Amino acid sequence: MLKPGPSNSVKPLVNNAGSSLVAKSSEKTVVVHEETSAFFFFQCIAVLGRSVDFVSLTGMKENLKEVDCKIYYVGGFNLLLLFKEDFEASEFLENQEAWKKWFSHLDMWNGQAGAYERLAWLKIVGVPVHLAENKVFNDVAGHFGKVVHKSQLSEEVQDLSINRVGVLVDVGFPISDTVTLVWRNKKCKVWVQEKEEADWLPDCCLVNDKWPESMTDEEDGESTQFGSVHRMEDWREEVEKVGVHGGDVEVLGDSNNGGNSIVLGGITRVDDHQQPFFGSLEKVGKKKKKPFNLLKDKHLSKPKPTSPVLMDRPKKRLRTN
């Protein structure tokens, strides 16, 4: 048994164990090639800016409706405006009257990296009804970041057990914590959980129908350097009008092919379009057969009833001239 004493070296053993733990918990690194420059063709034709507030961020598409540019969201309050030519980007940058109401600052993008920030939507539960004021929810959310979308609780909201607040944070991990409310020397614990809004985008980037001509394919007007863009509604209408021509139809789920229609229970891939389609496809060129009706078929209809008296009556005698 090891007893602590002047002759026993317990401390070096602890230090060795500690050093091994530190080695195992070291951060993971990836060495990026020094020549890496993503979106290189954006440089000198794009400007990088930060919106002044949440309202300006979400309404940027309407704010810049007279400006011929494409809007990219790069996190937090930051937007990247892509122009067709470098002189257009320079002219917009110099015209501060055109953007100073919505951007706190704007710079030509030459590949520089900005500070990391993102919007986190916090779900706050556990606040008692008598303390459920917007200020209380905003103060709770303020412990985790700058409140940019305040609490919208009102008497019209029937669910008073939960609320959501948007905050601007500089960390990437999801927030999950508790906050203690103190009211009249009484304590109450509330829970703060970040909602899963991984696909959240500001309204200005949800539907981007401005495609600069320099990045538009002449054939269909919907292609860029990032690949082809297809609208499901247009593709669905095209299939319904002309049917399936060429290629194979592969049904990846249950199917019913017992009539003049193909009912799909999974995803159908049409090789000519390479797009998923949900629903049914009618075969083209075949006329539906009229359903068989036993009661209406003249060959199998029931015979007309005859009276028994008429069956026993003697037949008429033929007259002879």
C-alpha atoms as a PDB file:
ATOM      1  CA  MET A   1       0.000   0.000   0.000  1.00  0.00           C
ATOM      2  CA  LEU A   2       1.352   3.377  -0.954  1.00  0.00           C
ATOM      3  CA  LYS A   3       1.548   5.778   1.962  1.00  0.00           C
ATOM      4  CA  PRO A   4       2.208   9.475   1.418  1.00  0.00           C
ATOM      5  CA  GLY A   5       5.494  10.545   2.880  1.00  0.00           C
ATOM      6  CA  PRO A   6       8.731  12.288   2.081  1.00  0.00           C
ATOM      7  CA  SER A   7      10.133   9.204   0.375  1.00  0.00           C
ATOM      8  CA  ASN A   8       7.024   8.495  -1.777  1.00  0.00           C
ATOM      9  CA  SER A   9       6.734  10.424  -5.022  1.00  0.00           C
ATOM     10  CA  VAL A  10       2.933  10.684  -5.396  1.00  0.00           C
ATOM     11  CA  LYS A  11       3.011  14.044  -7.157  1.00  0.00           C
ATOM     12  CA  PRO A  12       4.985  12.875 -10.220  1.00  0.00           C
ATOM     13  CA  LEU A  13       2.448  10.083 -10.771  1.00  0.00           C
ATOM     14  CA  VAL A  14      -0.409  12.562 -10.759  1.00  0.00           C
ATOM     15  CA  ASN A  15       1.440  14.884 -13.093  1.00  0.00           C
ATOM     16  CA  ASN A  16       2.080  12.080 -15.561  1.00  0.00           C
ATOM     17  CA  ALA A  17      -1.590  11.119 -15.570  1.00  0.00           C
ATOM     18  CA  GLY A  18      -2.577  14.736 -16.008  1.00  0.00           C
ATOM     19  CA  SER A  19      -0.251  15.205 -18.945  1.00  0.00           C
ATOM     20  CA  SER A  20      -1.744  12.174 -20.710  1.00  0.00           C
ATOM     21  CA  LEU A  21      -5.249  13.558 -20.220  1.00  0.00           C
ATOM     22  CA  VAL A  22      -4.201  16.896 -21.648  1.00  0.00           C
ATOM     23  CA  ALA A  23      -2.711  15.170 -24.668  1.00  0.00           C
ATOM     24  CA  LYS A  24      -5.945  13.270 -25.326  1.00  0.00           C
ATOM     25  CA  SER A  25      -8.129  16.397 -25.031  1.00  0.00           C
ATOM     26  CA  SER A  26      -6.049  18.518 -27.408  1.00  0.00           C
ATOM     27  CA  GLU A  27      -8.013  20.338 -30.096  1.00  0.00           C
ATOM     28  CA  LYS A  28      -8.499  18.792 -33.518  1.00  0.00           C
ATOM     29  CA  THR A  29      -6.846  20.672 -36.364  1.00  0.00           C
ATOM     30  CA  VAL A  30      -7.031  20.612 -40.148  1.00  0.00           C
ATOM     31  CA  VAL A  31      -4.208  22.151 -42.146  1.00  0.00           C
ATOM     32  CA  VAL A  32      -5.697  24.050 -45.098  1.00  0.00           C
ATOM     33  CA  HIS A  33      -3.573  24.579 -48.183  1.00  0.00           C
ATOM     34  CA  GLU A  34      -2.222  28.110 -48.266  1.00  0.00           C
ATOM     35  CA  GLU A  35      -3.413  28.606 -51.839  1.00  0.00           C
ATOM     36  CA  THR A  36      -7.039  27.849 -50.953  1.00  0.00           C
ATOM     37  CA  SER A  37      -9.347  30.678 -51.984  1.00  0.00           C
ATOM     38  CA  ALA A  38     -13.021  29.710 -52.126  1.00  0.00           C
ATOM     39  CA  PHE A  39     -15.369  31.836 -54.242  1.00  0.00           C
ATOM     40  CA  PHE A  40     -12.367  33.516 -55.802  1.00  0.00           C
ATOM     41  CA  PHE A  41     -14.482  34.874 -58.663  1.00  0.00           C
ATOM     42  CA  PHE A  42     -16.544  36.859 -56.110  1.00  0.00           C
ATOM     43  CA  GLN A  43     -13.590  39.040 -55.252  1.00  0.00           C
ATOM     44  CA  CYS A  44     -13.740  42.647 -56.461  1.00  0.00           C
ATOM     45  CA  ILE A  45     -17.315  42.199 -57.745  1.00  0.00           C
ATOM     46  CA  ALA A  46     -18.898  41.680 -54.306  1.00  0.00           C
ATOM     47  CA  VAL A  47     -19.228  43.872 -51.226  1.00  0.00           C
ATOM     48  CA  LEU A  48     -19.430  42.602 -47.654  1.00  0.00           C
ATOM     49  CA  GLY A  49     -21.601  44.472 -45.170  1.00  0.00           C
ATOM     50  CA  ARG A  50     -23.290  44.248 -41.799  1.00  0.00           C
ATOM     51  CA  SER A  51     -26.942  45.177 -41.346  1.00  0.00           C
ATOM     52  CA  VAL A  52     -27.799  47.742 -38.710  1.00  0.00           C
ATOM     53  CA  ASP A  53     -30.555  45.611 -37.156  1.00  0.00           C
ATOM     54  CA  PHE A  54     -32.762  42.554 -37.586  1.00  0.00           C
ATOM     55  CA  VAL A  55     -35.482  44.424 -39.494  1.00  0.00           C
ATOM     56  CA  SER A  56     -32.981  45.744 -42.033  1.00  0.00           C
ATOM     57  CA  LEU A  57     -31.524  42.266 -42.449  1.00  0.00           C
ATOM     58  CA  THR A  58     -34.800  40.517 -43.212  1.00  0.00           C
ATOM     59  CA  GLY A  59     -36.043  43.346 -45.451  1.00  0.00           C
ATOM     60  CA  MET A  60     -32.855  43.809 -47.447  1.00  0.00           C
ATOM     61  CA  LYS A  61     -34.353  42.387 -50.640  1.00  0.00           C
ATOM     62  CA  GLU A  62     -37.040  45.052 -50.616  1.00  0.00           C
ATOM     63  CA  ASN A  63     -34.547  47.724 -49.568  1.00  0.00           C
ATOM     64  CA  LEU A  64     -32.279  46.940 -52.532  1.00  0.00           C
ATOM     65  CA  LYS A  65     -34.991  46.250 -55.098  1.00  0.00           C
ATOM     66  CA  GLU A  66     -33.552  48.954 -57.382  1.00  0.00           C
ATOM     67  CA  VAL A  67     -30.037  47.482 -57.154  1.00  0.00           C
ATOM     68  CA  ASP A  68     -29.083  44.734 -59.601  1.00  0.00           C
ATOM     69  CA  CYS A  69     -27.236  42.354 -57.296  1.00  0.00           C
ATOM     70  CA  LYS A  70     -27.552  38.928 -55.740  1.00  0.00           C
ATOM     71  CA  ILE A  71     -27.754  38.652 -51.948  1.00  0.00           C
ATOM     72  CA  TYR A  72     -25.866  35.986 -49.998  1.00  0.00           C
ATOM     73  CA  TYR A  73     -26.290  35.425 -46.271  1.00  0.00           C
ATOM     74  CA  VAL A  74     -22.998  34.749 -44.474  1.00  0.00           C
ATOM     75  CA  GLY A  75     -24.206  34.554 -40.858  1.00  0.00           C
ATOM     76  CA  GLY A  76     -25.285  36.913 -38.116  1.00  0.00           C
ATOM     77  CA  PHE A  77     -26.112  40.333 -39.561  1.00  0.00           C
ATOM     78  CA  ASN A  78     -23.618  39.938 -42.433  1.00  0.00           C
ATOM     79  CA  LEU A  79     -24.555  39.924 -46.113  1.00  0.00           C
ATOM     80  CA  LEU A  80     -22.559  39.585 -49.319  1.00  0.00           C
ATOM     81  CA  LEU A  81     -23.850  41.549 -52.330  1.00  0.00           C
ATOM     82  CA  LEU A  82     -22.673  40.152 -55.653  1.00  0.00           C
ATOM     83  CA  PHE A  83     -22.690  42.381 -58.745  1.00  0.00           C
ATOM     84  CA  LYS A  84     -22.134  41.614 -62.425  1.00  0.00           C
ATOM     85  CA  GLU A  85     -19.091  43.847 -62.882  1.00  0.00           C
ATOM     86  CA  ASP A  86     -16.464  45.326 -60.593  1.00  0.00           C
ATOM     87  CA  PHE A  87     -17.343  48.922 -61.514  1.00  0.00           C
ATOM     88  CA  GLU A  88     -20.952  48.344 -60.410  1.00  0.00           C
ATOM     89  CA  ALA A  89     -19.743  47.160 -57.010  1.00  0.00           C
ATOM     90  CA  SER A  90     -17.445  50.189 -56.714  1.00  0.00           C
ATOM     91  CA  GLU A  91     -20.205  52.628 -57.653  1.00  0.00           C
ATOM     92  CA  PHE A  92     -22.586  51.146 -55.090  1.00  0.00           C
ATOM     93  CA  LEU A  93     -19.876  51.225 -52.429  1.00  0.00           C
ATOM     94  CA  GLU A  94     -19.113  54.897 -53.064  1.00  0.00           C
ATOM     95  CA  ASN A  95     -22.784  55.902 -52.991  1.00  0.00           C
ATOM     96  CA  GLN A  96     -23.253  55.838 -49.220  1.00  0.00           C
ATOM     97  CA  GLU A  97     -26.665  57.482 -49.464  1.00  0.00           C
ATOM     98  CA  ALA A  98     -27.919  54.304 -51.117  1.00  0.00           C
ATOM     99  CA  TRP A  99     -26.979  51.959 -48.287  1.00  0.00           C
ATOM    100  CA  LYS A 100     -26.122  53.772 -45.030  1.00  0.00           C
ATOM    101  CA  LYS A 101     -29.712  53.417 -43.735  1.00  0.00           C
ATOM    102  CA  TRP A 102     -29.446  49.621 -43.761  1.00  0.00           C
ATOM    103  CA  PHE A 103     -25.732  48.852 -43.326  1.00  0.00           C
ATOM    104  CA  SER A 104     -23.476  49.905 -40.472  1.00  0.00           C
ATOM    105  CA  HIS A 105     -20.451  49.392 -42.719  1.00  0.00           C
ATOM    106  CA  LEU A 106     -19.734  48.078 -46.206  1.00  0.00           C
ATOM    107  CA  ASP A 107     -16.421  47.025 -47.779  1.00  0.00           C
ATOM    108  CA  MET A 108     -15.226  45.547 -51.038  1.00  0.00           C
ATOM    109  CA  TRP A 109     -14.729  41.830 -50.548  1.00  0.00           C
ATOM    110  CA  ASN A 110     -11.216  40.678 -51.375  1.00  0.00           C
ATOM    111  CA  GLY A 111     -11.296  37.401 -49.499  1.00  0.00           C
ATOM    112  CA  GLN A 112     -11.100  38.880 -46.002  1.00  0.00           C
ATOM    113  CA  ALA A 113     -12.702  37.054 -43.078  1.00  0.00           C
ATOM    114  CA  GLY A 114     -14.991  38.801 -40.621  1.00  0.00           C
ATOM    115  CA  ALA A 115     -15.747  38.018 -36.994  1.00  0.00           C
ATOM    116  CA  TYR A 116     -17.950  34.967 -36.487  1.00  0.00           C
ATOM    117  CA  GLU A 117     -21.508  35.538 -35.336  1.00  0.00           C
ATOM    118  CA  ARG A 118     -24.831  33.811 -35.754  1.00  0.00           C
ATOM    119  CA  LEU A 119     -28.472  34.170 -34.783  1.00  0.00           C
ATOM    120  CA  ALA A 120     -29.726  31.790 -32.105  1.00  0.00           C
ATOM    121  CA  TRP A 121     -33.421  31.302 -31.375  1.00  0.00           C
ATOM    122  CA  LEU A 122     -33.908  30.583 -27.687  1.00  0.00           C
ATOM    123  CA  LYS A 123     -36.916  28.727 -26.327  1.00  0.00           C
ATOM    124  CA  ILE A 124     -37.650  29.814 -22.755  1.00  0.00           C
ATOM    125  CA  VAL A 125     -39.937  27.679 -20.589  1.00  0.00           C
ATOM    126  CA  GLY A 126     -40.854  27.644 -16.917  1.00  0.00           C
ATOM    127  CA  VAL A 127     -41.668  31.326 -16.404  1.00  0.00           C
ATOM    128  CA  PRO A 128     -44.753  31.634 -14.139  1.00  0.00           C
ATOM    129  CA  VAL A 129     -47.747  33.390 -15.642  1.00  0.00           C
ATOM    130  CA  HIS A 130     -47.610  36.279 -13.161  1.00  0.00           C
ATOM    131  CA  LEU A 131     -44.006  36.960 -14.254  1.00  0.00           C
ATOM    132  CA  ALA A 132     -44.480  36.343 -17.977  1.00  0.00           C
ATOM    133  CA  GLU A 133     -43.642  39.819 -19.248  1.00  0.00           C
ATOM    134  CA  ASN A 134     -41.661  40.544 -22.386  1.00  0.00           C
ATOM    135  CA  LYS A 135     -38.970  42.288 -20.339  1.00  0.00           C
ATOM    136  CA  VAL A 136     -38.459  39.163 -18.230  1.00  0.00           C
ATOM    137  CA  PHE A 137     -37.984  36.977 -21.308  1.00  0.00           C
ATOM    138  CA  ASN A 138     -35.639  39.511 -22.903  1.00  0.00           C
ATOM    139  CA  ASP A 139     -33.571  39.753 -19.711  1.00  0.00           C
ATOM    140  CA  VAL A 140     -33.272  35.970 -19.568  1.00  0.00           C
ATOM    141  CA  ALA A 141     -32.156  35.762 -23.197  1.00  0.00           C
ATOM    142  CA  GLY A 142     -29.726  38.630 -22.646  1.00  0.00           C
ATOM    143  CA  HIS A 143     -27.548  36.334 -20.541  1.00  0.00           C
ATOM    144  CA  PHE A 144     -26.547  34.456 -23.704  1.00  0.00           C
ATOM    145  CA  GLY A 145     -26.155  37.192 -26.318  1.00  0.00           C
ATOM    146  CA  LYS A 146     -27.433  40.456 -27.704  1.00  0.00           C
ATOM    147  CA  VAL A 147     -31.214  40.406 -28.061  1.00  0.00           C
ATOM    148  CA  VAL A 148     -32.060  41.228 -31.681  1.00  0.00           C
ATOM    149  CA  HIS A 149     -35.584  39.797 -31.907  1.00  0.00           C
ATOM    150  CA  LYS A 150     -37.459  40.638 -28.721  1.00  0.00           C
ATOM    151  CA  SER A 151     -40.215  38.688 -27.043  1.00  0.00           C
ATOM    152  CA  GLN A 152     -43.601  39.074 -28.761  1.00  0.00           C
ATOM    153  CA  LEU A 153     -45.825  37.803 -25.963  1.00  0.00           C
ATOM    154  CA  SER A 154     -49.274  39.427 -25.751  1.00  0.00           C
ATOM    155  CA  GLU A 155     -52.821  38.668 -24.645  1.00  0.00           C
ATOM    156  CA  GLU A 156     -53.542  37.385 -28.155  1.00  0.00           C
ATOM    157  CA  VAL A 157     -51.036  34.554 -27.666  1.00  0.00           C
ATOM    158  CA  GLN A 158     -52.864  31.698 -25.969  1.00  0.00           C
ATOM    159  CA  ASP A 159     -49.792  29.608 -25.137  1.00  0.00           C
ATOM    160  CA  LEU A 160     -48.179  31.398 -22.203  1.00  0.00           C
ATOM    161  CA  SER A 161     -46.006  28.451 -21.207  1.00  0.00           C
ATOM    162  CA  ILE A 162     -43.314  29.035 -23.818  1.00  0.00           C
ATOM    163  CA  ASN A 163     -41.702  31.950 -25.616  1.00  0.00           C
ATOM    164  CA  ARG A 164     -39.009  32.524 -28.210  1.00  0.00           C
ATOM    165  CA  VAL A 165     -36.345  35.236 -28.361  1.00  0.00           C
ATOM    166  CA  GLY A 166     -33.624  35.788 -30.964  1.00  0.00           C
ATOM    167  CA  VAL A 167     -30.102  36.628 -29.827  1.00  0.00           C
ATOM    168  CA  LEU A 168     -26.835  37.319 -31.622  1.00  0.00           C
ATOM    169  CA  VAL A 169     -24.036  35.067 -30.360  1.00  0.00           C
ATOM    170  CA  ASP A 170     -20.391  34.412 -31.223  1.00  0.00           C
ATOM    171  CA  VAL A 171     -20.286  30.691 -30.361  1.00  0.00           C
ATOM    172  CA  GLY A 172     -21.124  27.757 -32.588  1.00  0.00           C
ATOM    173  CA  PHE A 173     -22.395  25.194 -30.077  1.00  0.00           C
ATOM    174  CA  PRO A 174     -26.130  25.047 -29.247  1.00  0.00           C
ATOM    175  CA  ILE A 175     -27.231  26.830 -26.082  1.00  0.00           C
ATOM    176  CA  SER A 176     -28.782  24.814 -23.262  1.00  0.00           C
ATOM    177  CA  ASP A 177     -28.842  26.275 -19.752  1.00  0.00           C
ATOM    178  CA  THR A 178     -30.967  27.443 -16.847  1.00  0.00           C
ATOM    179  CA  VAL A 179     -31.595  30.859 -15.322  1.00  0.00           C
ATOM    180  CA  THR A 180     -32.957  31.594 -11.856  1.00  0.00           C
ATOM    181  CA  LEU A 181     -35.606  34.285 -11.439  1.00  0.00           C
ATOM    182  CA  VAL A 182     -35.771  36.087  -8.093  1.00  0.00           C
ATOM    183  CA  TRP A 183     -39.079  37.732  -7.169  1.00  0.00           C
ATOM    184  CA  ARG A 184     -39.977  38.935  -3.658  1.00  0.00           C
ATOM    185  CA  ASN A 185     -37.261  36.794  -2.102  1.00  0.00           C
ATOM    186  CA  LYS A 186     -38.566  33.742  -3.952  1.00  0.00           C
ATOM    187  CA  LYS A 187     -36.581  31.858  -6.562  1.00  0.00           C
ATOM    188  CA  CYS A 188     -37.845  30.207  -9.715  1.00  0.00           C
ATOM    189  CA  LYS A 189     -35.771  28.253 -12.230  1.00  0.00           C
ATOM    190  CA  VAL A 190     -36.466  28.592 -15.962  1.00  0.00           C
ATOM    191  CA  TRP A 191     -34.954  26.585 -18.794  1.00  0.00           C
ATOM    192  CA  VAL A 192     -33.360  27.999 -21.926  1.00  0.00           C
ATOM    193  CA  GLN A 193     -32.964  25.719 -24.932  1.00  0.00           C
ATOM    194  CA  GLU A 194     -31.858  26.747 -28.394  1.00  0.00           C
ATOM    195  CA  LYS A 195     -34.390  25.772 -31.029  1.00  0.00           C
ATOM    196  CA  GLU A 196     -33.125  23.802 -33.997  1.00  0.00           C
ATOM    197  CA  GLU A 197     -33.203  26.467 -36.684  1.00  0.00           C
ATOM    198  CA  ALA A 198     -30.297  25.133 -38.755  1.00  0.00           C
ATOM    199  CA  ASP A 199     -32.033  26.014 -42.010  1.00  0.00           C
ATOM    200  CA  TRP A 200     -33.077  29.509 -40.955  1.00  0.00           C
ATOM    201  CA  LEU A 201     -32.449  32.214 -43.534  1.00  0.00           C
ATOM    202  CA  PRO A 202     -33.456  35.878 -43.532  1.00  0.00           C
ATOM    203  CA  ASP A 203     -36.392  36.725 -45.769  1.00  0.00           C
ATOM    204  CA  CYS A 204     -34.112  38.480 -48.231  1.00  0.00           C
ATOM    205  CA  CYS A 205     -32.519  35.127 -49.150  1.00  0.00           C
ATOM    206  CA  LEU A 206     -35.492  32.753 -49.067  1.00  0.00           C
ATOM    207  CA  VAL A 207     -36.489  33.348 -52.700  1.00  0.00           C
ATOM    208  CA  ASN A 208     -33.698  34.861 -54.742  1.00  0.00           C
ATOM    209  CA  ASP A 209     -35.061  35.466 -58.227  1.00  0.00           C
ATOM    210  CA  LYS A 210     -32.333  37.893 -59.318  1.00  0.00           C
ATOM    211  CA  TRP A 211     -29.842  35.991 -61.434  1.00  0.00           C
ATOM    212  CA  PRO A 212     -27.112  38.143 -62.978  1.00  0.00           C
ATOM    213  CA  GLU A 213     -26.868  37.540 -66.705  1.00  0.00           C
ATOM    214  CA  SER A 214     -23.149  36.775 -66.462  1.00  0.00           C
ATOM    215  CA  MET A 215     -24.003  33.740 -64.308  1.00  0.00           C
ATOM    216  CA  THR A 216     -27.116  32.627 -66.196  1.00  0.00           C
ATOM    217  CA  ASP A 217     -27.215  29.754 -68.639  1.00  0.00           C
ATOM    218  CA  GLU A 218     -28.671  30.819 -71.992  1.00  0.00           C
ATOM    219  CA  GLU A 219     -30.525  27.563 -72.465  1.00  0.00           C
ATOM    220  CA  ASP A 220     -32.898  27.540 -69.529  1.00  0.00           C
ATOM    221  CA  GLY A 221     -32.140  30.750 -67.650  1.00  0.00           C
ATOM    222  CA  GLU A 222     -31.935  28.856 -64.365  1.00  0.00           C
ATOM    223  CA  SER A 223     -28.345  27.612 -64.217  1.00  0.00           C
ATOM    224  CA  THR A 224     -25.357  29.070 -62.414  1.00  0.00           C
ATOM    225  CA  GLN A 225     -21.822  28.027 -61.711  1.00  0.00           C
ATOM    226  CA  PHE A 226     -23.128  26.114 -58.695  1.00  0.00           C
ATOM    227  CA  GLY A 227     -25.304  23.812 -60.792  1.00  0.00           C
ATOM    228  CA  SER A 228     -28.773  23.665 -62.255  1.00  0.00           C
ATOM    229  CA  VAL A 229     -31.834  24.986 -60.459  1.00  0.00           C
ATOM    230  CA  HIS A 230     -35.194  23.355 -61.215  1.00  0.00           C
ATOM    231  CA  ARG A 231     -38.588  24.355 -59.926  1.00  0.00           C
ATOM    232  CA  MET A 232     -40.609  21.328 -58.852  1.00  0.00           C
ATOM    233  CA  GLU A 233     -43.892  22.937 -59.970  1.00  0.00           C
ATOM    234  CA  ASP A 234     -42.671  23.491 -63.535  1.00  0.00           C
ATOM    235  CA  TRP A 235     -41.267  19.973 -63.734  1.00  0.00           C
ATOM    236  CA  ARG A 236     -44.490  18.460 -62.428  1.00  0.00           C
ATOM    237  CA  GLU A 237     -46.581  20.365 -65.010  1.00  0.00           C
ATOM    238  CA  GLU A 238     -44.271  19.248 -67.798  1.00  0.00           C
ATOM    239  CA  VAL A 239     -44.629  15.583 -66.858  1.00  0.00           C
ATOM    240  CA  GLU A 240     -48.403  15.827 -66.617  1.00  0.00           C
ATOM    241  CA  LYS A 241     -48.659  17.434 -70.055  1.00  0.00           C
ATOM    242  CA  VAL A 242     -46.306  15.308 -72.163  1.00  0.00           C
ATOM    243  CA  GLY A 243     -45.976  12.132 -70.113  1.00  0.00           C
ATOM    244  CA  VAL A 244     -42.723  10.232 -69.784  1.00  0.00           C
ATOM    245  CA  HIS A 245     -40.612  10.170 -72.953  1.00  0.00           C
ATOM    246  CA  GLY A 246     -37.306   8.325 -72.914  1.00  0.00           C
ATOM    247  CA  GLY A 247     -35.424   6.974 -69.966  1.00  0.00           C
ATOM    248  CA  ASP A 248     -36.657   4.559 -67.360  1.00  0.00           C
ATOM    249  CA  VAL A 249     -38.988   5.114 -64.465  1.00  0.00           C
ATOM    250  CA  GLU A 250     -37.735   3.580 -61.274  1.00  0.00           C
ATOM    251  CA  VAL A 251     -40.163   3.147 -58.408  1.00  0.00           C
ATOM    252  CA  LEU A 252     -38.396   3.136 -55.060  1.00  0.00           C
ATOM    253  CA  GLY A 253     -41.461   2.231 -53.028  1.00  0.00           C
ATOM    254  CA  ASP A 254     -44.740   0.302 -53.220  1.00  0.00           C
ATOM    255  CA  SER A 255     -46.439   0.481 -56.571  1.00  0.00           C
ATOM    256  CA  ASN A 256     -49.727  -0.511 -58.156  1.00  0.00           C
ATOM    257  CA  ASN A 257     -49.460  -1.209 -61.838  1.00  0.00           C
ATOM    258  CA  GLY A 258     -52.689  -3.084 -62.343  1.00  0.00           C
ATOM    259  CA  GLY A 259     -54.582  -0.637 -64.560  1.00  0.00           C
ATOM    260  CA  ASN A 260     -53.967   2.274 -66.827  1.00  0.00           C
ATOM    261  CA  SER A 261     -52.213   4.291 -64.157  1.00  0.00           C
ATOM    262  CA  ILE A 262     -49.036   3.977 -62.118  1.00  0.00           C
ATOM    263  CA  VAL A 263     -49.514   4.858 -58.474  1.00  0.00           C
ATOM    264  CA  LEU A 264     -46.243   5.626 -56.742  1.00  0.00           C
ATOM    265  CA  GLY A 265     -45.763   5.059 -53.052  1.00  0.00           C
ATOM    266  CA  GLY A 266     -42.162   6.246 -52.966  1.00  0.00           C
ATOM    267  CA  ILE A 267     -39.832   8.375 -55.074  1.00  0.00           C
ATOM    268  CA  THR A 268     -39.830   8.113 -58.840  1.00  0.00           C
ATOM    269  CA  ARG A 269     -36.723   9.068 -60.733  1.00  0.00           C
ATOM    270  CA  VAL A 270     -37.089  10.155 -64.343  1.00  0.00           C
ATOM    271  CA  ASP A 271     -33.678   9.979 -65.982  1.00  0.00           C
ATOM    272  CA  ASP A 272     -34.421  12.780 -68.435  1.00  0.00           C
ATOM    273  CA  HIS A 273     -35.074  15.229 -65.612  1.00  0.00           C
ATOM    274  CA  GLN A 274     -33.152  13.778 -62.654  1.00  0.00           C
ATOM    275  CA  GLN A 275     -35.700  15.186 -60.232  1.00  0.00           C
ATOM    276  CA  PRO A 276     -37.860  13.415 -57.613  1.00  0.00           C
ATOM    277  CA  PHE A 277     -41.598  13.249 -58.248  1.00  0.00           C
ATOM    278  CA  PHE A 278     -44.352  12.343 -55.859  1.00  0.00           C
ATOM    279  CA  GLY A 279     -47.810  11.321 -57.044  1.00  0.00           C
ATOM    280  CA  SER A 280     -49.118   9.372 -60.013  1.00  0.00           C
ATOM    281  CA  LEU A 281     -48.290   9.313 -63.702  1.00  0.00           C
ATOM    282  CA  GLU A 282     -50.958   8.567 -66.306  1.00  0.00           C
ATOM    283  CA  LYS A 283     -49.843   6.536 -69.305  1.00  0.00           C
ATOM    284  CA  VAL A 284     -50.164   8.486 -72.509  1.00  0.00           C
ATOM    285  CA  GLY A 285     -52.075   7.190 -75.557  1.00  0.00           C
ATOM    286  CA  LYS A 286     -54.274   4.553 -73.875  1.00  0.00           C
ATOM    287  CA  LYS A 287     -57.985   4.984 -73.494  1.00  0.00           C
ATOM    288  CA  LYS A 288     -59.567   3.783 -70.302  1.00  0.00           C
ATOM    289  CA  LYS A 289     -61.826   0.759 -70.752  1.00  0.00           C
ATOM    290  CA  LYS A 290     -65.423   1.203 -69.727  1.00  0.00           C
ATOM    291  CA  PRO A 291     -66.142  -0.714 -66.504  1.00  0.00           C
ATOM    292  CA  PHE A 292     -68.215  -3.870 -66.840  1.00  0.00           C
ATOM    293  CA  ASN A 293     -71.753  -3.579 -65.457  1.00  0.00           C
ATOM    294  CA  LEU A 294     -73.673  -6.801 -65.045  1.00  0.00           C
ATOM    295  CA  LEU A 295     -77.063  -5.123 -64.668  1.00  0.00           C
ATOM    296  CA  LYS A 296     -76.684  -2.953 -67.751  1.00  0.00           C
ATOM    297  CA  ASP A 297     -75.227  -5.571 -70.099  1.00  0.00           C
ATOM    298  CA  LYS A 298     -77.900  -6.446 -72.649  1.00  0.00           C
ATOM    299  CA  HIS A 299     -76.612  -9.987 -73.145  1.00  0.00           C
ATOM    300  CA  LEU A 300     -76.709 -10.932 -69.462  1.00  0.00           C
ATOM    301  CA  SER A 301     -79.756  -8.984 -68.344  1.00  0.00           C
ATOM    302  CA  LYS A 302     -82.593 -10.854 -66.678  1.00  0.00           C
ATOM    303  CA  PRO A 303     -85.398 -12.142 -68.974  1.00  0.00           C
ATOM    304  CA  LYS A 304     -88.681 -10.303 -68.951  1.00  0.00           C
ATOM    305  CA  PRO A 305     -91.265 -11.957 -66.718  1.00  0.00           C
ATOM    306  CA  THR A 306     -94.233 -13.687 -68.426  1.00  0.00           C
ATOM    307  CA  SER A 307     -97.603 -14.517 -66.956  1.00  0.00           C
ATOM    308  CA  PRO A 308     -98.352 -18.249 -66.307  1.00  0.00           C
ATOM    309  CA  VAL A 309    -101.816 -17.751 -67.777  1.00  0.00           C
ATOM    310  CA  LEU A 310    -100.406 -16.636 -71.057  1.00  0.00           C
ATOM    311  CA  MET A 311     -98.165 -19.691 -71.165  1.00  0.00           C
ATOM    312  CA  ASP A 312    -101.187 -22.077 -70.886  1.00  0.00           C
ATOM    313  CA  ARG A 313    -103.328 -20.347 -73.511  1.00  0.00           C
ATOM    314  CA  PRO A 314    -103.675 -22.259 -76.823  1.00  0.00           C
ATOM    315  CA  LYS A 315    -102.018 -20.868 -79.804  1.00  0.00           C
ATOM    316  CA  LYS A 316    -104.069 -19.148 -82.489  1.00  0.00           C
ATOM    317  CA  ARG A 317    -105.123 -21.226 -85.435  1.00  0.00           C
ATOM    318  CA  LEU A 318    -103.729 -20.130 -88.703  1.00  0.00           C
ATOM    319  CA  ARG A 319    -106.299 -18.854 -91.125  1.00  0.00           C
ATOM    320  CA  THR A 320    -106.437 -20.310 -94.566  1.00  0.00           C
ATOM    321  CA  ASN A 321    -107.687 -18.435 -97.518  1.00  0.00           C
END
